[in-house]
Amino acid sequence: MNFKEALRAKQTSANALPFRINTWQIYGEETLVLFLDCLRLDPHHLDKLLDYQALADKLVLALPEENAEEQRYQAGHLAVVDAVCSYRDAAALAASIPQAKLAFDLAQPPQLPAELEARLVNL
């Protein structure tokens, strides 16, 4: 696998994300899905990504669908990120991945049911 294929392999759809997380879970690896408004590549936010990555074996960045393809491509370049996913509705994506921990770094976090609130991680 060359570098370009490796970057493409990190990109996943919202429909395929639960299957990828299940695969990781089979091997005993925990997943944290971090929902972002947009990816900022400054030292403060990169340090925050390292903190989130320390909380689970796999870190998935979820970016809004309206974000440019360039941001998803930049996220794929980060070594601490295991997958990048686009979402239209953060609450719906969170509900579709019951086996993952959740973290929100959004200006307007969604209202979540109590069972999803139990899986929230806050830094």
C-alpha atoms as a PDB file:
ATOM      1  CA  MET A   1       0.000   0.000   0.000  1.00  0.00           C
ATOM      2  CA  ASN A   2       1.458   3.354  -0.959  1.00  0.00           C
ATOM      3  CA  PHE A   3       1.012   6.615   0.927  1.00  0.00           C
ATOM      4  CA  LYS A   4      -1.898   7.826  -1.207  1.00  0.00           C
ATOM      5  CA  GLU A   5      -3.804   4.573  -0.688  1.00  0.00           C
ATOM      6  CA  ALA A   6      -3.130   4.750   3.055  1.00  0.00           C
ATOM      7  CA  LEU A   7      -4.632   8.242   3.201  1.00  0.00           C
ATOM      8  CA  ARG A   8      -7.701   7.120   1.274  1.00  0.00           C
ATOM      9  CA  ALA A   9      -8.101   4.115   3.591  1.00  0.00           C
ATOM     10  CA  LYS A  10      -8.509   6.488   6.549  1.00  0.00           C
ATOM     11  CA  GLN A  11     -11.530   8.147   4.914  1.00  0.00           C
ATOM     12  CA  THR A  12     -14.784   6.375   5.705  1.00  0.00           C
ATOM     13  CA  SER A  13     -18.473   7.079   5.301  1.00  0.00           C
ATOM     14  CA  ALA A  14     -20.965   7.388   8.132  1.00  0.00           C
ATOM     15  CA  ASN A  15     -22.511   4.076   7.020  1.00  0.00           C
ATOM     16  CA  ALA A  16     -19.188   2.204   7.068  1.00  0.00           C
ATOM     17  CA  LEU A  17     -17.945   3.642  10.372  1.00  0.00           C
ATOM     18  CA  PRO A  18     -19.865   1.218  12.656  1.00  0.00           C
ATOM     19  CA  PHE A  19     -18.379  -1.751  10.796  1.00  0.00           C
ATOM     20  CA  ARG A  20     -14.848  -0.381  11.125  1.00  0.00           C
ATOM     21  CA  ILE A  21     -15.345   0.257  14.842  1.00  0.00           C
ATOM     22  CA  ASN A  22     -16.719  -3.284  15.286  1.00  0.00           C
ATOM     23  CA  THR A  23     -13.609  -4.650  13.570  1.00  0.00           C
ATOM     24  CA  TRP A  24     -11.361  -2.754  15.958  1.00  0.00           C
ATOM     25  CA  GLN A  25     -13.475  -3.901  18.906  1.00  0.00           C
ATOM     26  CA  ILE A  26     -12.977  -7.554  17.916  1.00  0.00           C
ATOM     27  CA  TYR A  27      -9.260  -7.012  18.543  1.00  0.00           C
ATOM     28  CA  GLY A  28      -9.976  -5.375  21.907  1.00  0.00           C
ATOM     29  CA  GLU A  29      -9.328  -1.816  20.794  1.00  0.00           C
ATOM     30  CA  GLU A  30     -11.490   1.022  22.113  1.00  0.00           C
ATOM     31  CA  THR A  31     -12.579   3.821  19.812  1.00  0.00           C
ATOM     32  CA  LEU A  32     -13.174   7.496  20.531  1.00  0.00           C
ATOM     33  CA  VAL A  33     -15.111   9.528  17.964  1.00  0.00           C
ATOM     34  CA  LEU A  34     -14.330  13.237  18.176  1.00  0.00           C
ATOM     35  CA  PHE A  35     -16.886  15.515  16.516  1.00  0.00           C
ATOM     36  CA  LEU A  36     -15.372  18.782  15.265  1.00  0.00           C
ATOM     37  CA  ASP A  37     -16.781  21.924  13.612  1.00  0.00           C
ATOM     38  CA  CYS A  38     -13.608  22.258  11.591  1.00  0.00           C
ATOM     39  CA  LEU A  39     -10.039  21.029  11.801  1.00  0.00           C
ATOM     40  CA  ARG A  40      -7.519  23.570  13.039  1.00  0.00           C
ATOM     41  CA  LEU A  41      -3.865  22.677  12.671  1.00  0.00           C
ATOM     42  CA  ASP A  42      -2.421  24.945  15.356  1.00  0.00           C
ATOM     43  CA  PRO A  43      -0.335  23.695  18.313  1.00  0.00           C
ATOM     44  CA  HIS A  44      -3.170  24.024  20.846  1.00  0.00           C
ATOM     45  CA  HIS A  45      -5.608  21.890  18.858  1.00  0.00           C
ATOM     46  CA  LEU A  46      -2.982  19.331  17.850  1.00  0.00           C
ATOM     47  CA  ASP A  47      -2.058  18.936  21.525  1.00  0.00           C
ATOM     48  CA  LYS A  48      -5.748  18.438  22.304  1.00  0.00           C
ATOM     49  CA  LEU A  49      -5.914  15.670  19.669  1.00  0.00           C
ATOM     50  CA  LEU A  50      -3.038  13.915  21.436  1.00  0.00           C
ATOM     51  CA  ASP A  51      -4.945  14.132  24.722  1.00  0.00           C
ATOM     52  CA  TYR A  52      -8.046  12.609  23.125  1.00  0.00           C
ATOM     53  CA  GLN A  53      -5.971   9.902  21.424  1.00  0.00           C
ATOM     54  CA  ALA A  54      -4.555   8.917  24.828  1.00  0.00           C
ATOM     55  CA  LEU A  55      -8.086   8.057  26.027  1.00  0.00           C
ATOM     56  CA  ALA A  56      -8.663   5.254  23.500  1.00  0.00           C
ATOM     57  CA  ASP A  57      -6.779   2.969  21.154  1.00  0.00           C
ATOM     58  CA  LYS A  58      -8.346   4.444  18.003  1.00  0.00           C
ATOM     59  CA  LEU A  59      -9.251   8.075  17.300  1.00  0.00           C
ATOM     60  CA  VAL A  60     -11.845   8.921  14.655  1.00  0.00           C
ATOM     61  CA  LEU A  61     -12.415  12.526  13.584  1.00  0.00           C
ATOM     62  CA  ALA A  62     -15.948  13.350  12.496  1.00  0.00           C
ATOM     63  CA  LEU A  63     -16.176  16.497  10.388  1.00  0.00           C
ATOM     64  CA  PRO A  64     -19.333  18.137   8.974  1.00  0.00           C
ATOM     65  CA  GLU A  65     -20.224  17.224   5.397  1.00  0.00           C
ATOM     66  CA  GLU A  66     -20.055  20.849   4.328  1.00  0.00           C
ATOM     67  CA  ASN A  67     -16.363  21.035   5.265  1.00  0.00           C
ATOM     68  CA  ALA A  68     -14.031  21.142   2.331  1.00  0.00           C
ATOM     69  CA  GLU A  69     -12.445  17.946   1.069  1.00  0.00           C
ATOM     70  CA  GLU A  70      -9.097  19.564   1.909  1.00  0.00           C
ATOM     71  CA  GLN A  71      -9.819  19.433   5.668  1.00  0.00           C
ATOM     72  CA  ARG A  72     -10.651  15.733   5.515  1.00  0.00           C
ATOM     73  CA  TYR A  73      -7.479  15.133   3.525  1.00  0.00           C
ATOM     74  CA  GLN A  74      -5.413  17.100   6.086  1.00  0.00           C
ATOM     75  CA  ALA A  75      -6.968  15.087   8.916  1.00  0.00           C
ATOM     76  CA  GLY A  76      -5.915  11.893   7.165  1.00  0.00           C
ATOM     77  CA  HIS A  77      -2.300  13.088   7.251  1.00  0.00           C
ATOM     78  CA  LEU A  78      -2.291  13.216  11.054  1.00  0.00           C
ATOM     79  CA  ALA A  79      -0.595  10.197  12.611  1.00  0.00           C
ATOM     80  CA  VAL A  80      -2.852  10.221  15.694  1.00  0.00           C
ATOM     81  CA  VAL A  81      -6.010   9.919  13.568  1.00  0.00           C
ATOM     82  CA  ASP A  82      -7.091   6.402  12.603  1.00  0.00           C
ATOM     83  CA  ALA A  83     -10.131   7.364  10.520  1.00  0.00           C
ATOM     84  CA  VAL A  84     -11.947  10.427   9.212  1.00  0.00           C
ATOM     85  CA  CYS A  85     -15.705  10.495   8.741  1.00  0.00           C
ATOM     86  CA  SER A  86     -18.196  13.072   7.459  1.00  0.00           C
ATOM     87  CA  TYR A  87     -21.528  13.600   9.169  1.00  0.00           C
ATOM     88  CA  ARG A  88     -24.702  15.459   8.367  1.00  0.00           C
ATOM     89  CA  ASP A  89     -26.288  15.083  11.825  1.00  0.00           C
ATOM     90  CA  ALA A  90     -23.957  14.573  14.800  1.00  0.00           C
ATOM     91  CA  ALA A  91     -26.632  13.064  17.062  1.00  0.00           C
ATOM     92  CA  ALA A  92     -27.669  10.532  14.405  1.00  0.00           C
ATOM     93  CA  LEU A  93     -24.069   9.450  13.799  1.00  0.00           C
ATOM     94  CA  ALA A  94     -23.457   9.150  17.546  1.00  0.00           C
ATOM     95  CA  ALA A  95     -26.544   6.945  17.898  1.00  0.00           C
ATOM     96  CA  SER A  96     -25.355   4.687  15.062  1.00  0.00           C
ATOM     97  CA  ILE A  97     -22.071   3.804  16.812  1.00  0.00           C
ATOM     98  CA  PRO A  98     -23.084   2.417  20.229  1.00  0.00           C
ATOM     99  CA  GLN A  99     -19.705   0.780  20.854  1.00  0.00           C
ATOM    100  CA  ALA A 100     -17.594   3.990  20.721  1.00  0.00           C
ATOM    101  CA  LYS A 101     -16.823   6.723  23.231  1.00  0.00           C
ATOM    102  CA  LEU A 102     -17.923  10.181  22.115  1.00  0.00           C
ATOM    103  CA  ALA A 103     -16.364  13.633  22.417  1.00  0.00           C
ATOM    104  CA  PHE A 104     -17.694  16.913  21.071  1.00  0.00           C
ATOM    105  CA  ASP A 105     -15.598  19.968  20.259  1.00  0.00           C
ATOM    106  CA  LEU A 106     -18.442  21.848  18.602  1.00  0.00           C
ATOM    107  CA  ALA A 107     -19.721  25.400  18.947  1.00  0.00           C
ATOM    108  CA  GLN A 108     -23.248  23.963  19.379  1.00  0.00           C
ATOM    109  CA  PRO A 109     -23.125  20.408  20.812  1.00  0.00           C
ATOM    110  CA  PRO A 110     -26.270  18.419  19.953  1.00  0.00           C
ATOM    111  CA  GLN A 111     -28.867  17.436  22.524  1.00  0.00           C
ATOM    112  CA  LEU A 112     -28.285  13.757  23.248  1.00  0.00           C
ATOM    113  CA  PRO A 113     -30.409  11.110  24.950  1.00  0.00           C
ATOM    114  CA  ALA A 114     -29.258   9.875  28.365  1.00  0.00           C
ATOM    115  CA  GLU A 115     -27.762   6.632  27.013  1.00  0.00           C
ATOM    116  CA  LEU A 116     -25.467   8.618  24.704  1.00  0.00           C
ATOM    117  CA  GLU A 117     -24.540  11.109  27.448  1.00  0.00           C
ATOM    118  CA  ALA A 118     -23.135   8.178  29.458  1.00  0.00           C
ATOM    119  CA  ARG A 119     -20.450   7.652  26.755  1.00  0.00           C
ATOM    120  CA  LEU A 120     -19.288  11.277  26.603  1.00  0.00           C
ATOM    121  CA  VAL A 121     -15.661  12.143  27.241  1.00  0.00           C
ATOM    122  CA  ASN A 122     -14.785  15.730  28.077  1.00  0.00           C
ATOM    123  CA  LEU A 123     -11.362  17.328  28.289  1.00  0.00           C
END
